[in-house]
N, C-alpha and C. Protein backbone atom coordinates (compact mmCIF):
# COMPACT_ATOMS: atom_id res chain seq x y z
N ALA A 1 1.08 7.40 18.16
CA ALA A 1 1.23 7.21 19.91
C ALA A 1 2.44 6.35 20.19
N ASP A 2 3.03 6.68 21.26
CA ASP A 2 4.34 5.76 21.63
C ASP A 2 3.80 4.73 22.75
N ASP A 3 2.65 4.69 22.97
CA ASP A 3 2.19 3.84 24.06
C ASP A 3 1.00 2.96 23.80
N LEU A 4 0.83 2.61 22.26
CA LEU A 4 -0.12 1.72 21.85
C LEU A 4 0.45 0.05 22.36
N PRO A 5 -0.40 -0.42 22.88
CA PRO A 5 0.11 -2.13 23.17
C PRO A 5 0.83 -2.75 21.96
N THR A 6 1.84 -3.37 22.13
CA THR A 6 2.34 -4.15 21.19
C THR A 6 2.55 -5.58 21.79
N THR A 7 2.77 -6.83 21.18
CA THR A 7 3.06 -8.09 21.84
C THR A 7 4.64 -8.36 21.69
N ASP A 8 4.90 -9.16 22.61
CA ASP A 8 6.40 -9.79 22.47
C ASP A 8 6.40 -10.39 21.14
N GLY A 9 7.63 -10.35 20.52
CA GLY A 9 7.78 -11.00 19.43
C GLY A 9 7.02 -10.52 17.95
N ALA A 10 6.51 -9.21 18.12
CA ALA A 10 6.00 -8.60 16.95
C ALA A 10 6.94 -8.14 16.21
N TYR A 11 6.53 -7.73 14.93
CA TYR A 11 7.54 -7.26 13.87
C TYR A 11 8.26 -6.25 14.34
N ASP A 12 7.56 -4.94 15.09
CA ASP A 12 8.15 -3.91 15.61
C ASP A 12 7.33 -3.66 16.80
N GLU A 13 7.92 -3.62 18.04
CA GLU A 13 7.37 -3.14 19.41
C GLU A 13 7.54 -1.80 19.68
N THR A 14 8.21 -0.97 18.82
CA THR A 14 8.27 0.46 19.35
C THR A 14 8.09 1.21 17.99
N HIS A 15 7.51 2.44 18.57
CA HIS A 15 7.01 3.48 17.65
C HIS A 15 8.41 4.02 17.14
N ASN A 16 8.36 4.57 15.65
CA ASN A 16 9.60 4.84 15.29
C ASN A 16 9.64 6.25 14.61
N GLY A 17 8.72 6.82 14.31
CA GLY A 17 8.61 8.06 13.71
C GLY A 17 7.48 9.01 14.04
N ASP A 18 7.13 10.02 13.29
CA ASP A 18 6.04 10.68 13.45
C ASP A 18 4.75 10.05 13.57
N TYR A 19 4.55 9.33 12.47
CA TYR A 19 3.30 8.38 12.66
C TYR A 19 3.67 7.10 12.02
N ASP A 20 3.36 6.09 12.42
CA ASP A 20 3.73 4.86 12.31
C ASP A 20 2.36 3.96 11.90
N MET A 21 2.45 3.15 11.10
CA MET A 21 1.12 2.03 10.87
C MET A 21 1.23 1.33 12.33
N TYR A 22 0.28 0.81 12.66
CA TYR A 22 -0.25 0.08 13.87
C TYR A 22 -1.31 -1.23 13.29
N ILE A 23 -0.90 -2.08 13.59
CA ILE A 23 -1.92 -3.35 13.33
C ILE A 23 -1.96 -4.09 14.27
N ALA A 24 -3.34 -4.46 14.74
CA ALA A 24 -3.55 -5.46 15.64
C ALA A 24 -4.45 -6.50 15.17
N LYS A 25 -4.56 -7.72 15.91
CA LYS A 25 -5.48 -8.63 15.76
C LYS A 25 -6.18 -8.99 16.96
N PHE A 26 -7.47 -8.93 17.24
CA PHE A 26 -8.23 -9.29 18.45
C PHE A 26 -8.86 -10.68 18.11
N SER A 27 -9.07 -11.18 19.14
CA SER A 27 -10.18 -12.60 19.30
C SER A 27 -11.37 -12.32 18.86
N GLY A 28 -12.06 -13.09 18.24
CA GLY A 28 -13.60 -13.08 17.82
C GLY A 28 -14.42 -13.58 18.82
N GLU A 29 -13.60 -14.23 19.81
CA GLU A 29 -14.38 -14.88 20.73
C GLU A 29 -14.66 -13.89 22.05
N ASP A 30 -13.52 -13.34 22.54
CA ASP A 30 -13.57 -12.35 23.83
C ASP A 30 -13.09 -11.00 23.51
N GLY A 31 -12.62 -10.72 22.40
CA GLY A 31 -12.04 -9.57 22.05
C GLY A 31 -10.78 -9.29 22.58
N SER A 32 -10.01 -9.97 23.19
CA SER A 32 -8.67 -9.86 23.55
C SER A 32 -7.76 -9.78 22.46
N LEU A 33 -7.01 -9.00 22.83
CA LEU A 33 -5.59 -8.85 21.99
C LEU A 33 -4.75 -9.62 21.52
N LEU A 34 -4.86 -10.46 20.72
CA LEU A 34 -3.86 -11.73 20.12
C LEU A 34 -2.59 -11.18 19.63
N TRP A 35 -2.39 -10.08 19.03
CA TRP A 35 -1.19 -9.30 18.68
C TRP A 35 -1.19 -8.07 18.19
N ALA A 36 -0.13 -7.26 18.29
CA ALA A 36 -0.12 -5.86 17.68
C ALA A 36 1.31 -5.47 17.40
N THR A 37 1.59 -4.58 16.45
CA THR A 37 2.83 -4.23 15.85
C THR A 37 2.93 -2.89 15.35
N TYR A 38 3.99 -2.33 15.37
CA TYR A 38 4.03 -1.02 14.53
C TYR A 38 4.70 -1.37 13.31
N ILE A 39 4.78 -0.45 12.25
CA ILE A 39 5.18 -0.66 11.15
C ILE A 39 5.51 0.76 10.53
N GLY A 40 7.10 1.03 10.37
CA GLY A 40 7.41 2.36 9.86
C GLY A 40 8.65 2.91 9.83
N GLY A 41 8.83 4.09 9.64
CA GLY A 41 10.24 4.65 9.57
C GLY A 41 10.28 6.05 10.31
N GLU A 42 10.85 6.94 10.19
CA GLU A 42 11.19 8.26 10.75
C GLU A 42 9.90 9.06 10.61
N ALA A 43 9.37 9.05 9.46
CA ALA A 43 8.57 10.02 9.03
C ALA A 43 6.96 9.57 9.29
N TYR A 44 6.26 9.76 8.31
CA TYR A 44 4.97 9.69 8.44
C TYR A 44 4.51 8.26 7.45
N ASP A 45 4.11 7.39 8.01
CA ASP A 45 3.68 6.10 7.51
C ASP A 45 2.00 5.75 7.96
N GLU A 46 1.21 5.33 7.17
CA GLU A 46 -0.14 5.20 7.68
C GLU A 46 -0.80 3.86 6.64
N VAL A 47 -1.54 3.27 7.41
CA VAL A 47 -2.43 2.06 6.86
C VAL A 47 -3.56 2.57 6.11
N GLU A 48 -3.80 2.24 5.03
CA GLU A 48 -5.13 2.80 4.49
C GLU A 48 -5.91 1.52 3.85
N GLY A 49 -5.23 0.33 3.60
CA GLY A 49 -6.24 -0.88 3.50
C GLY A 49 -5.61 -2.19 3.88
N LEU A 50 -6.34 -3.16 4.28
CA LEU A 50 -5.88 -4.46 4.72
C LEU A 50 -6.73 -5.51 3.84
N LEU A 51 -6.04 -6.63 3.54
CA LEU A 51 -6.61 -7.67 2.98
C LEU A 51 -5.94 -8.89 3.58
N VAL A 52 -6.88 -9.85 4.16
CA VAL A 52 -6.44 -11.10 4.53
C VAL A 52 -6.54 -12.04 3.64
N LEU A 53 -5.56 -12.51 3.21
CA LEU A 53 -5.36 -13.72 1.90
C LEU A 53 -5.66 -14.97 2.47
N ASP A 54 -5.66 -15.78 1.70
CA ASP A 54 -6.30 -17.38 1.86
C ASP A 54 -5.44 -18.11 2.68
N ASP A 55 -3.93 -17.64 2.71
CA ASP A 55 -3.16 -18.20 3.43
C ASP A 55 -2.74 -17.88 4.94
N GLY A 56 -3.77 -16.75 5.25
CA GLY A 56 -3.79 -16.24 6.54
C GLY A 56 -2.75 -15.02 6.64
N LYS A 57 -1.87 -14.71 5.55
CA LYS A 57 -1.03 -13.42 5.54
C LYS A 57 -2.08 -12.33 5.30
N ILE A 58 -1.54 -11.18 5.55
CA ILE A 58 -2.31 -9.91 5.63
C ILE A 58 -1.42 -9.04 4.58
N LEU A 59 -2.06 -8.51 3.42
CA LEU A 59 -1.52 -7.29 2.78
C LEU A 59 -2.07 -5.98 3.28
N VAL A 60 -0.89 -5.47 3.38
CA VAL A 60 -1.24 -3.96 4.10
C VAL A 60 -0.88 -3.05 2.77
N THR A 61 -1.80 -2.03 2.72
CA THR A 61 -1.56 -1.14 1.76
C THR A 61 -1.58 0.39 2.25
N GLY A 62 -0.73 1.45 1.94
CA GLY A 62 -0.78 2.56 2.76
C GLY A 62 -0.12 3.47 2.15
N ASN A 63 0.34 4.44 2.84
CA ASN A 63 1.37 5.90 2.35
C ASN A 63 2.45 5.85 3.27
N SER A 64 3.66 6.21 2.51
CA SER A 64 4.66 6.28 3.18
C SER A 64 5.59 7.55 2.89
N PHE A 65 6.10 8.30 3.84
CA PHE A 65 6.72 9.64 3.32
C PHE A 65 8.24 9.13 3.44
N GLY A 66 8.50 8.82 2.08
CA GLY A 66 9.89 8.18 1.91
C GLY A 66 10.13 6.88 2.38
N ALA A 67 10.72 5.90 1.84
CA ALA A 67 10.56 4.57 1.98
C ALA A 67 11.49 4.28 2.99
N PHE A 68 10.64 3.55 4.02
CA PHE A 68 11.59 3.07 5.22
C PHE A 68 11.99 1.68 4.90
N SER A 69 13.17 1.31 5.72
CA SER A 69 13.44 0.09 5.37
C SER A 69 12.60 -1.17 5.75
N ALA A 70 12.51 -2.15 5.00
CA ALA A 70 11.54 -3.33 5.32
C ALA A 70 12.21 -4.48 4.45
N PRO A 71 11.90 -5.44 5.27
CA PRO A 71 12.28 -6.75 4.32
C PRO A 71 11.97 -7.12 3.23
N GLY A 72 12.70 -7.34 2.43
CA GLY A 72 12.38 -8.02 0.87
C GLY A 72 11.96 -6.65 -0.20
N SER A 73 12.40 -5.65 0.35
CA SER A 73 11.95 -4.45 -0.46
C SER A 73 12.22 -4.06 -2.00
N THR A 74 11.14 -3.77 -2.70
CA THR A 74 11.44 -3.41 -4.02
C THR A 74 10.79 -1.91 -4.27
N SER A 75 11.66 -1.25 -4.93
CA SER A 75 11.42 0.27 -5.04
C SER A 75 11.36 0.53 -6.45
N ILE A 76 10.18 1.06 -6.94
CA ILE A 76 9.79 1.41 -8.29
C ILE A 76 9.40 3.21 -8.29
N GLY A 77 10.12 3.78 -9.01
CA GLY A 77 10.11 5.12 -9.28
C GLY A 77 10.91 6.10 -8.93
N THR A 78 10.71 7.37 -9.03
CA THR A 78 11.64 8.27 -8.83
C THR A 78 11.06 9.19 -7.56
N GLY A 79 11.97 9.74 -6.75
CA GLY A 79 11.74 10.71 -5.74
C GLY A 79 10.79 10.06 -4.31
N LEU A 80 11.50 8.64 -4.17
CA LEU A 80 10.64 8.05 -3.11
C LEU A 80 11.17 8.26 -1.76
N SER A 81 12.09 9.26 -1.72
CA SER A 81 12.39 9.48 -0.20
C SER A 81 12.15 11.13 -0.03
N ASN A 82 11.38 11.78 -0.57
CA ASN A 82 11.01 13.28 -0.33
C ASN A 82 9.46 13.50 -0.70
N SER A 83 8.76 12.49 -0.63
CA SER A 83 7.13 12.54 -0.76
C SER A 83 6.53 11.34 -0.23
N TYR A 84 5.31 11.70 -0.44
CA TYR A 84 4.25 10.46 0.02
C TYR A 84 4.42 9.42 -1.35
N ASN A 85 4.55 8.20 -0.94
CA ASN A 85 4.41 7.23 -1.93
C ASN A 85 3.68 6.21 -1.46
N ILE A 86 3.36 5.00 -2.47
CA ILE A 86 2.45 4.12 -1.93
C ILE A 86 3.42 2.78 -1.25
N VAL A 87 2.88 2.26 -0.26
CA VAL A 87 3.57 1.11 0.34
C VAL A 87 2.65 -0.09 0.22
N MET A 88 3.33 -1.12 0.16
CA MET A 88 2.49 -2.39 0.00
C MET A 88 3.17 -3.47 0.89
N LEU A 89 2.71 -4.33 1.93
CA LEU A 89 3.57 -5.30 2.53
C LEU A 89 2.75 -6.24 2.83
N SER A 90 3.53 -7.68 2.99
CA SER A 90 3.10 -8.84 3.17
C SER A 90 3.31 -9.00 4.50
N LEU A 91 2.50 -9.16 5.26
CA LEU A 91 2.80 -9.47 6.80
C LEU A 91 2.21 -10.89 7.19
N SER A 92 2.83 -11.29 7.94
CA SER A 92 2.55 -13.00 8.48
C SER A 92 1.31 -12.85 9.19
N SER A 93 0.70 -14.05 9.47
CA SER A 93 -0.68 -14.03 10.02
C SER A 93 -0.48 -13.74 11.45
N ASP A 94 0.72 -13.79 12.13
CA ASP A 94 0.99 -13.56 13.58
C ASP A 94 1.69 -12.48 13.77
N GLY A 95 1.88 -11.68 12.74
CA GLY A 95 2.23 -10.02 12.90
C GLY A 95 3.61 -10.14 13.32
N THR A 96 4.58 -11.35 12.96
CA THR A 96 5.96 -11.14 13.30
C THR A 96 6.84 -10.91 12.15
N THR A 97 6.53 -10.93 10.99
CA THR A 97 7.39 -10.95 10.15
C THR A 97 6.61 -10.31 8.54
N ILE A 98 7.62 -9.37 8.12
CA ILE A 98 7.23 -8.91 6.75
C ILE A 98 7.94 -9.68 5.80
N ASP A 99 7.23 -10.31 4.68
CA ASP A 99 8.00 -11.10 3.91
C ASP A 99 8.34 -10.33 2.66
N LYS A 100 7.83 -9.52 2.24
CA LYS A 100 8.14 -8.69 1.04
C LYS A 100 7.50 -7.31 1.08
N SER A 101 7.64 -6.29 0.57
CA SER A 101 7.56 -5.04 0.52
C SER A 101 7.73 -4.63 -0.82
N LEU A 102 6.68 -3.58 -1.21
CA LEU A 102 7.04 -2.79 -2.41
C LEU A 102 6.68 -1.23 -2.19
N PHE A 103 7.74 -0.43 -2.64
CA PHE A 103 7.26 1.16 -2.49
C PHE A 103 7.48 1.53 -4.07
N PHE A 104 6.43 2.45 -4.20
CA PHE A 104 6.41 2.78 -5.74
C PHE A 104 5.55 4.24 -5.55
N GLY A 105 6.03 5.21 -6.64
CA GLY A 105 5.49 6.59 -6.85
C GLY A 105 6.55 7.35 -7.85
N GLY A 106 6.01 8.35 -8.00
CA GLY A 106 6.75 9.39 -8.68
C GLY A 106 7.43 10.46 -7.93
N GLU A 107 7.62 11.68 -8.50
CA GLU A 107 8.57 12.89 -7.92
C GLU A 107 7.64 13.74 -6.94
N SER A 108 6.32 13.44 -7.06
CA SER A 108 5.51 14.21 -5.99
C SER A 108 4.67 13.29 -5.42
N SER A 109 3.72 13.69 -4.46
CA SER A 109 2.90 12.87 -3.79
C SER A 109 1.84 11.73 -4.42
N ASP A 110 2.06 10.73 -3.96
CA ASP A 110 0.92 9.54 -4.52
C ASP A 110 0.47 8.87 -3.28
N LEU A 111 -0.88 8.65 -3.28
CA LEU A 111 -1.56 8.22 -2.14
C LEU A 111 -2.74 7.17 -2.62
N THR A 112 -2.95 6.33 -1.55
CA THR A 112 -3.99 5.55 -1.54
C THR A 112 -5.00 6.09 -0.71
N TRP A 113 -6.48 5.78 -0.95
CA TRP A 113 -7.33 6.56 -0.10
C TRP A 113 -7.87 5.78 1.26
N GLU A 114 -8.32 6.54 2.00
CA GLU A 114 -8.62 5.80 3.06
C GLU A 114 -9.57 4.50 2.94
N ARG A 115 -9.38 3.75 3.87
CA ARG A 115 -10.19 2.04 3.87
C ARG A 115 -10.06 1.93 2.17
N ASN A 116 -8.87 2.00 1.57
CA ASN A 116 -8.74 1.41 0.08
C ASN A 116 -9.06 0.10 0.05
N ARG A 117 -10.00 -0.25 -1.04
CA ARG A 117 -10.28 -1.80 -1.37
C ARG A 117 -9.36 -2.09 -2.46
N VAL A 118 -8.82 -3.22 -1.98
CA VAL A 118 -7.78 -3.88 -2.71
C VAL A 118 -8.42 -5.05 -3.34
N ALA A 119 -8.41 -5.51 -4.67
CA ALA A 119 -9.11 -6.63 -5.40
C ALA A 119 -7.98 -7.77 -5.61
N LEU A 120 -8.40 -8.84 -5.98
CA LEU A 120 -7.55 -9.79 -6.56
C LEU A 120 -8.01 -10.62 -7.56
N ASP A 121 -7.04 -10.44 -8.59
CA ASP A 121 -7.46 -11.12 -9.79
C ASP A 121 -7.32 -12.73 -9.67
N SER A 122 -7.65 -13.34 -10.67
CA SER A 122 -7.75 -14.97 -10.85
C SER A 122 -6.05 -15.55 -10.45
N GLU A 123 -5.38 -14.52 -10.74
CA GLU A 123 -4.00 -15.36 -10.53
C GLU A 123 -3.14 -14.87 -9.27
N GLY A 124 -3.92 -13.99 -8.60
CA GLY A 124 -3.65 -13.46 -7.23
C GLY A 124 -2.90 -12.24 -7.11
N ASN A 125 -3.08 -11.66 -8.41
CA ASN A 125 -2.51 -10.41 -8.40
C ASN A 125 -3.09 -9.27 -7.64
N TYR A 126 -2.86 -8.07 -7.26
CA TYR A 126 -3.50 -6.93 -6.79
C TYR A 126 -3.91 -5.97 -7.42
N VAL A 127 -5.11 -5.61 -7.41
CA VAL A 127 -5.44 -4.18 -8.14
C VAL A 127 -6.10 -3.12 -7.22
N PHE A 128 -5.44 -2.17 -7.36
CA PHE A 128 -6.10 -0.85 -6.31
C PHE A 128 -5.98 0.36 -7.22
N THR A 129 -6.46 1.20 -6.43
CA THR A 129 -6.40 2.70 -6.85
C THR A 129 -6.18 3.62 -5.91
N GLY A 130 -5.93 4.97 -6.29
CA GLY A 130 -5.44 6.06 -5.55
C GLY A 130 -5.46 7.37 -6.30
N PHE A 131 -4.72 8.25 -5.74
CA PHE A 131 -4.29 9.32 -6.67
C PHE A 131 -2.98 9.99 -6.37
N THR A 132 -2.63 10.64 -7.47
CA THR A 132 -1.31 11.23 -7.64
C THR A 132 -0.93 12.61 -8.16
N TYR A 133 -0.23 13.30 -7.41
CA TYR A 133 0.22 14.53 -7.92
C TYR A 133 1.44 14.31 -8.84
N SER A 134 1.98 13.25 -9.12
CA SER A 134 3.18 13.00 -9.75
C SER A 134 3.00 12.90 -11.20
N SER A 135 3.92 13.73 -12.17
CA SER A 135 3.77 13.67 -13.68
C SER A 135 4.86 12.55 -14.07
N GLN A 136 5.48 11.75 -12.99
CA GLN A 136 6.43 10.83 -13.32
C GLN A 136 5.80 9.54 -12.45
N PHE A 137 4.54 9.52 -12.34
CA PHE A 137 4.21 8.44 -11.63
C PHE A 137 4.25 7.03 -12.76
N PRO A 138 4.82 5.84 -12.30
CA PRO A 138 5.25 4.69 -12.83
C PRO A 138 4.25 4.06 -13.78
N VAL A 139 3.77 4.79 -14.81
CA VAL A 139 2.64 4.14 -15.41
C VAL A 139 3.43 3.12 -16.58
N THR A 140 2.87 2.32 -17.30
CA THR A 140 3.40 1.32 -18.01
C THR A 140 3.13 1.67 -19.71
N ILE A 141 3.93 1.21 -20.25
CA ILE A 141 4.06 1.42 -21.85
C ILE A 141 2.60 0.64 -22.24
N GLY A 142 1.94 1.49 -23.07
CA GLY A 142 0.58 1.18 -23.46
C GLY A 142 -0.70 1.22 -22.60
N ALA A 143 -0.47 1.86 -21.53
CA ALA A 143 -1.61 2.16 -20.67
C ALA A 143 -2.57 2.94 -21.23
N TYR A 144 -3.90 3.05 -20.54
CA TYR A 144 -4.88 3.82 -21.07
C TYR A 144 -4.64 5.23 -21.14
N GLN A 145 -3.85 5.70 -19.94
CA GLN A 145 -3.68 7.24 -19.91
C GLN A 145 -2.19 7.24 -19.24
N THR A 146 -1.31 7.56 -20.16
CA THR A 146 0.12 7.82 -20.01
C THR A 146 0.64 9.10 -19.38
N VAL A 147 -0.32 10.07 -19.33
CA VAL A 147 0.34 11.58 -18.88
C VAL A 147 -0.93 12.06 -17.99
N LYS A 148 -0.38 12.53 -16.91
CA LYS A 148 -1.54 13.12 -15.74
C LYS A 148 -1.83 14.55 -16.49
N LEU A 149 -3.21 14.78 -16.43
CA LEU A 149 -4.15 15.81 -16.98
C LEU A 149 -4.37 16.99 -16.08
N GLY A 150 -4.37 16.73 -14.90
CA GLY A 150 -4.97 17.81 -13.80
C GLY A 150 -3.94 17.82 -12.99
N GLN A 151 -4.42 18.77 -11.73
CA GLN A 151 -3.51 19.01 -10.58
C GLN A 151 -3.05 17.50 -9.95
N ASN A 152 -4.25 16.61 -9.86
CA ASN A 152 -3.95 15.37 -9.41
C ASN A 152 -5.05 14.48 -10.23
N ASP A 153 -4.63 13.21 -10.48
CA ASP A 153 -5.24 12.32 -11.26
C ASP A 153 -5.31 11.07 -10.48
N ALA A 154 -6.49 10.33 -10.52
CA ALA A 154 -6.59 8.87 -10.24
C ALA A 154 -5.49 7.96 -10.78
N PHE A 155 -5.34 6.97 -10.13
CA PHE A 155 -4.50 6.03 -10.84
C PHE A 155 -5.12 4.48 -10.36
N VAL A 156 -4.91 3.77 -11.40
CA VAL A 156 -5.23 2.19 -11.16
C VAL A 156 -3.96 1.37 -11.65
N VAL A 157 -3.82 0.44 -10.62
CA VAL A 157 -2.40 -0.07 -11.02
C VAL A 157 -2.89 -1.94 -10.68
N LYS A 158 -2.08 -2.83 -11.29
CA LYS A 158 -1.98 -3.98 -10.82
C LYS A 158 -0.68 -4.53 -10.80
N ILE A 159 -0.36 -4.98 -9.43
CA ILE A 159 0.61 -5.48 -8.96
C ILE A 159 0.66 -7.06 -8.63
N SER A 160 1.77 -7.51 -9.20
CA SER A 160 2.22 -8.69 -9.16
C SER A 160 1.90 -9.61 -7.68
N ALA A 161 1.52 -10.83 -7.64
CA ALA A 161 1.18 -11.51 -6.28
C ALA A 161 2.44 -11.76 -5.63
N ASP A 162 3.43 -11.55 -5.92
CA ASP A 162 4.95 -11.45 -5.41
C ASP A 162 5.26 -10.19 -4.87
N LEU A 163 4.52 -9.05 -5.27
CA LEU A 163 4.93 -7.72 -5.06
C LEU A 163 6.29 -7.39 -5.31
N ASP A 164 6.72 -7.83 -6.69
CA ASP A 164 7.94 -7.55 -7.45
C ASP A 164 7.77 -6.58 -8.30
N GLU A 165 6.71 -6.48 -8.95
CA GLU A 165 6.65 -5.60 -10.30
C GLU A 165 5.14 -5.05 -10.26
N ILE A 166 4.96 -3.96 -11.14
CA ILE A 166 4.01 -3.37 -11.47
C ILE A 166 3.57 -3.98 -12.95
N LEU A 167 2.34 -4.59 -13.12
CA LEU A 167 2.15 -5.43 -14.27
C LEU A 167 1.42 -4.46 -15.27
N TRP A 168 0.74 -3.62 -14.55
CA TRP A 168 0.41 -2.33 -15.52
C TRP A 168 -0.28 -1.22 -14.63
N ALA A 169 0.06 -0.12 -14.87
CA ALA A 169 -0.62 0.98 -14.27
C ALA A 169 -0.94 2.21 -15.20
N THR A 170 -1.95 2.88 -14.71
CA THR A 170 -2.59 4.00 -15.78
C THR A 170 -2.93 5.19 -14.84
N TYR A 171 -2.60 6.38 -15.22
CA TYR A 171 -3.55 7.48 -14.74
C TYR A 171 -4.98 7.32 -15.30
N LEU A 172 -5.72 8.10 -14.52
CA LEU A 172 -7.17 8.00 -15.07
C LEU A 172 -8.06 9.62 -14.53
N GLY A 173 -7.84 10.39 -15.37
CA GLY A 173 -8.42 11.72 -15.06
C GLY A 173 -8.33 12.36 -16.12
N GLY A 174 -8.81 13.73 -15.70
CA GLY A 174 -9.13 14.74 -16.68
C GLY A 174 -8.46 15.98 -16.01
N ALA A 175 -8.86 17.17 -16.43
CA ALA A 175 -8.01 18.56 -16.31
C ALA A 175 -8.56 19.02 -14.94
N SER A 176 -9.22 18.21 -14.03
CA SER A 176 -9.53 18.61 -12.60
C SER A 176 -8.97 17.79 -11.59
N THR A 177 -9.59 17.48 -10.67
CA THR A 177 -9.15 16.86 -9.63
C THR A 177 -10.05 15.20 -9.51
N GLU A 178 -9.23 14.13 -9.57
CA GLU A 178 -9.84 12.81 -9.49
C GLU A 178 -9.14 11.94 -8.46
N ILE A 179 -10.07 11.43 -7.73
CA ILE A 179 -9.35 10.24 -6.75
C ILE A 179 -10.00 9.23 -6.75
N GLY A 180 -9.08 7.93 -6.72
CA GLY A 180 -9.58 6.48 -7.00
C GLY A 180 -9.84 6.18 -5.33
N LYS A 181 -11.00 5.50 -5.16
CA LYS A 181 -11.36 4.97 -3.84
C LYS A 181 -11.46 3.48 -3.69
N ALA A 182 -11.95 2.72 -4.73
CA ALA A 182 -11.75 1.35 -4.40
C ALA A 182 -11.98 0.75 -5.99
N ALA A 183 -11.51 -0.58 -5.91
CA ALA A 183 -11.27 -1.33 -7.19
C ALA A 183 -12.02 -2.84 -7.31
N ALA A 184 -12.41 -3.26 -8.00
CA ALA A 184 -13.02 -4.44 -7.99
C ALA A 184 -12.53 -5.07 -9.47
N VAL A 185 -12.59 -6.44 -9.24
CA VAL A 185 -12.12 -7.40 -10.60
C VAL A 185 -13.52 -8.25 -10.91
N ASP A 186 -13.83 -8.32 -12.15
CA ASP A 186 -14.89 -9.25 -12.39
C ASP A 186 -14.60 -10.77 -12.66
N GLY A 187 -15.25 -11.54 -13.35
CA GLY A 187 -14.95 -12.95 -13.76
C GLY A 187 -13.85 -13.14 -14.77
N ASP A 188 -13.98 -12.08 -15.70
CA ASP A 188 -13.02 -11.99 -16.85
C ASP A 188 -11.56 -11.27 -16.35
N ASP A 189 -11.35 -10.85 -15.07
CA ASP A 189 -10.23 -10.25 -14.66
C ASP A 189 -10.17 -8.61 -14.88
N ASP A 190 -11.34 -8.15 -15.54
CA ASP A 190 -11.41 -6.82 -15.91
C ASP A 190 -11.80 -6.21 -14.67
N VAL A 191 -11.29 -4.90 -14.78
CA VAL A 191 -11.20 -4.01 -13.64
C VAL A 191 -12.32 -3.04 -13.68
């Protein structure tokens, strides 16, 4: 929608494409709008998960059809401009600044699931899941499963705390269809 309310000084006060991410913060006391911003490019961009960090920054995970321009952007993988890919953003606590962004995926669509739950390990790295149609998803050497086996497989990935690199990524699936919906980390950092 082109007419959602944004606030002065927000990261992006205007709607950019077919679908944009829209993030807003409301007062816990009276429900008033504290700030609101659009984030996105010319195509389809959608928020699937939010995680408020201890320093107040907001980790945003979602899907982007093509990698839009974002500050501090790192891109990993193939085909990032012609299919859905994963996007992660570090948004300031006041909604005015993106500190860092990461886009990754393969040659076909890669997606996080609705209301995706992101977990933190003991070092502040991010662990989450989703599903991919890509046979060239950026899995890492020595991963549990390095080859996609079905039409789409789930994936599990650990991203560095600074959103600079994929620490490890694996497919997780068989001959049919699998979708990863949430991840959790235990006291030993096992997922």
